[in-house]
Amino acid sequence: MQDIAPFRVIVAEEIMTSHGEIMGMFLEETIPSRLPVKEVISQIRAQGGLVCIPHPFDMLRQSALRSNMLEEIVEQIDIIEVSNSRTIFPQNSAKALAFATKYGIPKSAGSDAHTPSEIGRTYIEMPEFEGKDDFLQALEKGKISEHMTNPFIHFTSAWTRLRKQCRG
């Protein structure tokens, strides 16, 4: 995709660890699921990647890293998602923003799109960048634009998962 896209593509992966999801950015290789958090971070770092925490504090997602784990790895977090268009309760995003601000961690945002209509609901407008270090600086200058997804979309996602399980 990086070779054919007319725009910049960052290779990233959301990895399910033994305690929740971590996103590795600027990766070269896939990282296995269900490893301990610190092992996943180590593998991201070994590839020269960045550690991003998606949808932290989201009390409805079992895949979200919890506060005790975030506190334990805070020194290794490069980016934290403070706005996710699929997060239903605003206090979850407010908690993520407070955490990022407290520790001086660059903030990200995303649509977390599971359907075509969700693509681009939440995003960051930021300056052009070259490479991961420049990306972090550009991210700090970025402006978050957020439009929350209708909460009923979660029923669509659950229905899709159920249908796949029944077929499989």
C-alpha atoms as a PDB file:
ATOM      1  CA  MET A   1       0.000   0.000   0.000  1.00  0.00           C
ATOM      2  CA  GLN A   2       2.860   2.387   0.782  1.00  0.00           C
ATOM      3  CA  ASP A   3       4.187   1.943  -2.763  1.00  0.00           C
ATOM      4  CA  ILE A   4       0.918   2.573  -4.606  1.00  0.00           C
ATOM      5  CA  ALA A   5      -1.080   5.022  -2.470  1.00  0.00           C
ATOM      6  CA  PRO A   6      -1.082   8.685  -3.555  1.00  0.00           C
ATOM      7  CA  PHE A   7      -0.911   9.638   0.138  1.00  0.00           C
ATOM      8  CA  ARG A   8       1.323   8.792   3.100  1.00  0.00           C
ATOM      9  CA  VAL A   9       0.610   5.374   4.633  1.00  0.00           C
ATOM     10  CA  ILE A  10       1.728   4.485   8.143  1.00  0.00           C
ATOM     11  CA  VAL A  11       1.842   0.749   8.719  1.00  0.00           C
ATOM     12  CA  ALA A  12       0.199   0.097  12.068  1.00  0.00           C
ATOM     13  CA  GLU A  13      -1.415  -2.769  13.898  1.00  0.00           C
ATOM     14  CA  GLU A  14      -3.750  -2.998  16.859  1.00  0.00           C
ATOM     15  CA  ILE A  15      -2.367  -5.862  18.932  1.00  0.00           C
ATOM     16  CA  MET A  16      -4.418  -7.639  21.574  1.00  0.00           C
ATOM     17  CA  THR A  17      -2.126  -8.208  24.541  1.00  0.00           C
ATOM     18  CA  SER A  18      -2.869 -10.249  27.649  1.00  0.00           C
ATOM     19  CA  HIS A  19      -4.311  -7.037  29.211  1.00  0.00           C
ATOM     20  CA  GLY A  20      -5.880  -5.170  26.292  1.00  0.00           C
ATOM     21  CA  GLU A  21      -5.029  -3.513  22.985  1.00  0.00           C
ATOM     22  CA  ILE A  22      -1.898  -1.598  22.059  1.00  0.00           C
ATOM     23  CA  MET A  23      -1.287  -0.082  18.640  1.00  0.00           C
ATOM     24  CA  GLY A  24       2.147  -0.327  17.103  1.00  0.00           C
ATOM     25  CA  MET A  25       2.843   2.337  14.460  1.00  0.00           C
ATOM     26  CA  PHE A  26       5.597   2.462  11.814  1.00  0.00           C
ATOM     27  CA  LEU A  27       5.892  -1.317  11.886  1.00  0.00           C
ATOM     28  CA  GLU A  28       7.696  -3.630   9.495  1.00  0.00           C
ATOM     29  CA  GLU A  29       6.328  -6.972  10.724  1.00  0.00           C
ATOM     30  CA  THR A  30       3.209  -8.387  12.383  1.00  0.00           C
ATOM     31  CA  ILE A  31       3.312  -8.866  16.148  1.00  0.00           C
ATOM     32  CA  PRO A  32       1.558 -11.917  17.645  1.00  0.00           C
ATOM     33  CA  SER A  33      -1.533 -11.476  19.837  1.00  0.00           C
ATOM     34  CA  ARG A  34      -1.981 -12.420  23.483  1.00  0.00           C
ATOM     35  CA  LEU A  35       1.599 -11.660  24.539  1.00  0.00           C
ATOM     36  CA  PRO A  36       2.233  -9.742  27.778  1.00  0.00           C
ATOM     37  CA  VAL A  37       2.024  -5.940  27.433  1.00  0.00           C
ATOM     38  CA  LYS A  38       5.734  -5.373  28.024  1.00  0.00           C
ATOM     39  CA  GLU A  39       6.663  -8.012  25.418  1.00  0.00           C
ATOM     40  CA  VAL A  40       4.448  -6.327  22.806  1.00  0.00           C
ATOM     41  CA  ILE A  41       6.030  -2.950  23.605  1.00  0.00           C
ATOM     42  CA  SER A  42       9.466  -4.538  23.299  1.00  0.00           C
ATOM     43  CA  GLN A  43       8.591  -5.960  19.861  1.00  0.00           C
ATOM     44  CA  ILE A  44       7.227  -2.602  18.686  1.00  0.00           C
ATOM     45  CA  ARG A  45      10.439  -0.892  19.851  1.00  0.00           C
ATOM     46  CA  ALA A  46      12.602  -3.563  18.191  1.00  0.00           C
ATOM     47  CA  GLN A  47      11.048  -2.516  14.855  1.00  0.00           C
ATOM     48  CA  GLY A  48      11.668   1.170  15.570  1.00  0.00           C
ATOM     49  CA  GLY A  49       7.925   1.692  16.013  1.00  0.00           C
ATOM     50  CA  LEU A  50       5.787   3.920  18.190  1.00  0.00           C
ATOM     51  CA  VAL A  51       3.523   2.728  21.006  1.00  0.00           C
ATOM     52  CA  CYS A  52      -0.011   4.132  20.834  1.00  0.00           C
ATOM     53  CA  ILE A  53      -2.804   3.348  23.279  1.00  0.00           C
ATOM     54  CA  PRO A  54      -6.200   3.178  21.538  1.00  0.00           C
ATOM     55  CA  HIS A  55      -9.475   3.990  23.357  1.00  0.00           C
ATOM     56  CA  PRO A  56      -8.086   3.944  26.904  1.00  0.00           C
ATOM     57  CA  PHE A  57     -10.515   4.174  29.824  1.00  0.00           C
ATOM     58  CA  ASP A  58     -13.441   3.076  27.626  1.00  0.00           C
ATOM     59  CA  MET A  59     -15.493   1.219  30.205  1.00  0.00           C
ATOM     60  CA  LEU A  60     -17.570  -0.587  27.556  1.00  0.00           C
ATOM     61  CA  ARG A  61     -14.600  -2.116  25.741  1.00  0.00           C
ATOM     62  CA  GLN A  62     -13.053  -5.167  27.289  1.00  0.00           C
ATOM     63  CA  SER A  63     -10.078  -4.586  24.989  1.00  0.00           C
ATOM     64  CA  ALA A  64      -9.163  -1.234  26.581  1.00  0.00           C
ATOM     65  CA  LEU A  65      -6.084  -1.148  28.783  1.00  0.00           C
ATOM     66  CA  ARG A  66      -7.099  -0.276  32.337  1.00  0.00           C
ATOM     67  CA  SER A  67      -5.663   2.542  34.445  1.00  0.00           C
ATOM     68  CA  ASN A  68      -3.390   0.351  36.560  1.00  0.00           C
ATOM     69  CA  MET A  69      -1.675  -1.018  33.436  1.00  0.00           C
ATOM     70  CA  LEU A  70      -1.450   2.449  31.853  1.00  0.00           C
ATOM     71  CA  GLU A  71       0.251   3.793  34.987  1.00  0.00           C
ATOM     72  CA  GLU A  72       2.667   0.863  34.902  1.00  0.00           C
ATOM     73  CA  ILE A  73       3.770   1.528  31.298  1.00  0.00           C
ATOM     74  CA  VAL A  74       3.302   5.322  31.131  1.00  0.00           C
ATOM     75  CA  GLU A  75       7.002   5.949  30.417  1.00  0.00           C
ATOM     76  CA  GLN A  76       6.792   3.730  27.310  1.00  0.00           C
ATOM     77  CA  ILE A  77       3.675   5.314  25.764  1.00  0.00           C
ATOM     78  CA  ASP A  78       4.420   7.533  22.753  1.00  0.00           C
ATOM     79  CA  ILE A  79       0.819   8.452  21.842  1.00  0.00           C
ATOM     80  CA  ILE A  80      -2.573   8.142  23.490  1.00  0.00           C
ATOM     81  CA  GLU A  81      -5.926   8.276  21.748  1.00  0.00           C
ATOM     82  CA  VAL A  82      -8.064  10.982  23.361  1.00  0.00           C
ATOM     83  CA  SER A  83     -10.945  10.910  20.892  1.00  0.00           C
ATOM     84  CA  ASN A  84     -12.536   7.862  19.290  1.00  0.00           C
ATOM     85  CA  SER A  85     -15.771   8.283  17.367  1.00  0.00           C
ATOM     86  CA  ARG A  86     -17.084   4.936  18.672  1.00  0.00           C
ATOM     87  CA  THR A  87     -16.648   5.843  22.346  1.00  0.00           C
ATOM     88  CA  ILE A  88     -20.140   6.307  23.739  1.00  0.00           C
ATOM     89  CA  PHE A  89     -19.459   8.136  27.011  1.00  0.00           C
ATOM     90  CA  PRO A  90     -17.675  11.532  26.793  1.00  0.00           C
ATOM     91  CA  GLN A  91     -16.145  11.056  30.257  1.00  0.00           C
ATOM     92  CA  ASN A  92     -13.999   8.229  28.837  1.00  0.00           C
ATOM     93  CA  SER A  93     -12.411  10.625  26.338  1.00  0.00           C
ATOM     94  CA  ALA A  94     -12.090  13.306  29.022  1.00  0.00           C
ATOM     95  CA  LYS A  95     -10.214  10.846  31.232  1.00  0.00           C
ATOM     96  CA  ALA A  96      -7.871   9.943  28.343  1.00  0.00           C
ATOM     97  CA  LEU A  97      -7.243  13.640  27.644  1.00  0.00           C
ATOM     98  CA  ALA A  98      -6.485  14.303  31.327  1.00  0.00           C
ATOM     99  CA  PHE A  99      -4.070  11.342  31.408  1.00  0.00           C
ATOM    100  CA  ALA A 100      -2.265  12.476  28.244  1.00  0.00           C
ATOM    101  CA  THR A 101      -2.033  16.046  29.529  1.00  0.00           C
ATOM    102  CA  LYS A 102      -0.795  14.968  32.977  1.00  0.00           C
ATOM    103  CA  TYR A 103       2.067  12.968  31.470  1.00  0.00           C
ATOM    104  CA  GLY A 104       2.783  15.151  28.428  1.00  0.00           C
ATOM    105  CA  ILE A 105       1.931  12.388  25.947  1.00  0.00           C
ATOM    106  CA  PRO A 106       1.032  13.379  22.364  1.00  0.00           C
ATOM    107  CA  LYS A 107      -2.674  12.983  21.627  1.00  0.00           C
ATOM    108  CA  SER A 108      -4.313  11.120  18.751  1.00  0.00           C
ATOM    109  CA  ALA A 109      -7.847  10.583  17.518  1.00  0.00           C
ATOM    110  CA  GLY A 110      -9.555   8.148  15.193  1.00  0.00           C
ATOM    111  CA  SER A 111     -12.770   6.894  13.702  1.00  0.00           C
ATOM    112  CA  ASP A 112     -12.211   3.240  14.630  1.00  0.00           C
ATOM    113  CA  ALA A 113     -14.340   2.556  11.552  1.00  0.00           C
ATOM    114  CA  HIS A 114     -15.964  -0.855  11.304  1.00  0.00           C
ATOM    115  CA  THR A 115     -18.324   0.186   8.500  1.00  0.00           C
ATOM    116  CA  PRO A 116     -17.827   2.449   5.451  1.00  0.00           C
ATOM    117  CA  SER A 117     -20.093   5.163   6.884  1.00  0.00           C
ATOM    118  CA  GLU A 118     -17.783   5.548   9.896  1.00  0.00           C
ATOM    119  CA  ILE A 119     -14.610   6.297   7.927  1.00  0.00           C
ATOM    120  CA  GLY A 120     -13.343   9.803   8.625  1.00  0.00           C
ATOM    121  CA  ARG A 121     -15.775  10.590  11.445  1.00  0.00           C
ATOM    122  CA  THR A 122     -12.917  11.607  13.748  1.00  0.00           C
ATOM    123  CA  TYR A 123      -9.476  12.605  12.544  1.00  0.00           C
ATOM    124  CA  ILE A 124      -6.522  14.939  13.073  1.00  0.00           C
ATOM    125  CA  GLU A 125      -5.485  17.647  10.658  1.00  0.00           C
ATOM    126  CA  MET A 126      -1.743  17.980  11.021  1.00  0.00           C
ATOM    127  CA  PRO A 127       1.268  19.285   9.115  1.00  0.00           C
ATOM    128  CA  GLU A 128       3.128  17.097   6.620  1.00  0.00           C
ATOM    129  CA  PHE A 129       5.821  14.914   8.174  1.00  0.00           C
ATOM    130  CA  GLU A 130       8.724  12.638   7.279  1.00  0.00           C
ATOM    131  CA  GLY A 131       9.239   9.589   9.471  1.00  0.00           C
ATOM    132  CA  LYS A 132       8.188   8.761  13.003  1.00  0.00           C
ATOM    133  CA  ASP A 133      10.028  11.516  14.893  1.00  0.00           C
ATOM    134  CA  ASP A 134       8.626  14.180  12.601  1.00  0.00           C
ATOM    135  CA  PHE A 135       5.222  12.493  12.908  1.00  0.00           C
ATOM    136  CA  LEU A 136       5.233  13.030  16.695  1.00  0.00           C
ATOM    137  CA  GLN A 137       6.074  16.725  16.261  1.00  0.00           C
ATOM    138  CA  ALA A 138       3.349  17.147  13.624  1.00  0.00           C
ATOM    139  CA  LEU A 139       0.860  15.312  15.844  1.00  0.00           C
ATOM    140  CA  GLU A 140       1.485  17.819  18.644  1.00  0.00           C
ATOM    141  CA  LYS A 141       0.506  20.611  16.220  1.00  0.00           C
ATOM    142  CA  GLY A 142      -2.559  18.755  14.965  1.00  0.00           C
ATOM    143  CA  LYS A 143      -6.179  19.795  15.366  1.00  0.00           C
ATOM    144  CA  ILE A 144      -8.710  17.115  16.274  1.00  0.00           C
ATOM    145  CA  SER A 145     -12.004  17.075  14.399  1.00  0.00           C
ATOM    146  CA  GLU A 146     -14.542  14.773  15.997  1.00  0.00           C
ATOM    147  CA  HIS A 147     -17.991  13.647  14.982  1.00  0.00           C
ATOM    148  CA  MET A 148     -19.288  10.839  17.123  1.00  0.00           C
ATOM    149  CA  THR A 149     -20.725   7.737  15.497  1.00  0.00           C
ATOM    150  CA  ASN A 150     -24.330   6.899  16.312  1.00  0.00           C
ATOM    151  CA  PRO A 151     -24.181   4.476  19.288  1.00  0.00           C
ATOM    152  CA  PHE A 152     -26.585   2.109  17.517  1.00  0.00           C
ATOM    153  CA  ILE A 153     -23.727   1.187  15.150  1.00  0.00           C
ATOM    154  CA  HIS A 154     -22.488  -1.120  17.935  1.00  0.00           C
ATOM    155  CA  PHE A 155     -25.546  -3.320  17.332  1.00  0.00           C
ATOM    156  CA  THR A 156     -24.540  -3.614  13.681  1.00  0.00           C
ATOM    157  CA  SER A 157     -21.020  -4.672  14.692  1.00  0.00           C
ATOM    158  CA  ALA A 158     -22.337  -7.207  17.209  1.00  0.00           C
ATOM    159  CA  TRP A 159     -24.730  -8.639  14.610  1.00  0.00           C
ATOM    160  CA  THR A 160     -21.894  -8.967  12.075  1.00  0.00           C
ATOM    161  CA  ARG A 161     -19.694 -10.796  14.631  1.00  0.00           C
ATOM    162  CA  LEU A 162     -22.558 -13.145  15.537  1.00  0.00           C
ATOM    163  CA  ARG A 163     -23.236 -13.962  11.869  1.00  0.00           C
ATOM    164  CA  LYS A 164     -19.539 -14.732  11.277  1.00  0.00           C
ATOM    165  CA  GLN A 165     -19.448 -17.035  14.321  1.00  0.00           C
ATOM    166  CA  CYS A 166     -22.549 -18.889  13.159  1.00  0.00           C
ATOM    167  CA  ARG A 167     -21.062 -19.423   9.683  1.00  0.00           C
ATOM    168  CA  GLY A 168     -17.629 -20.455  10.938  1.00  0.00           C
END
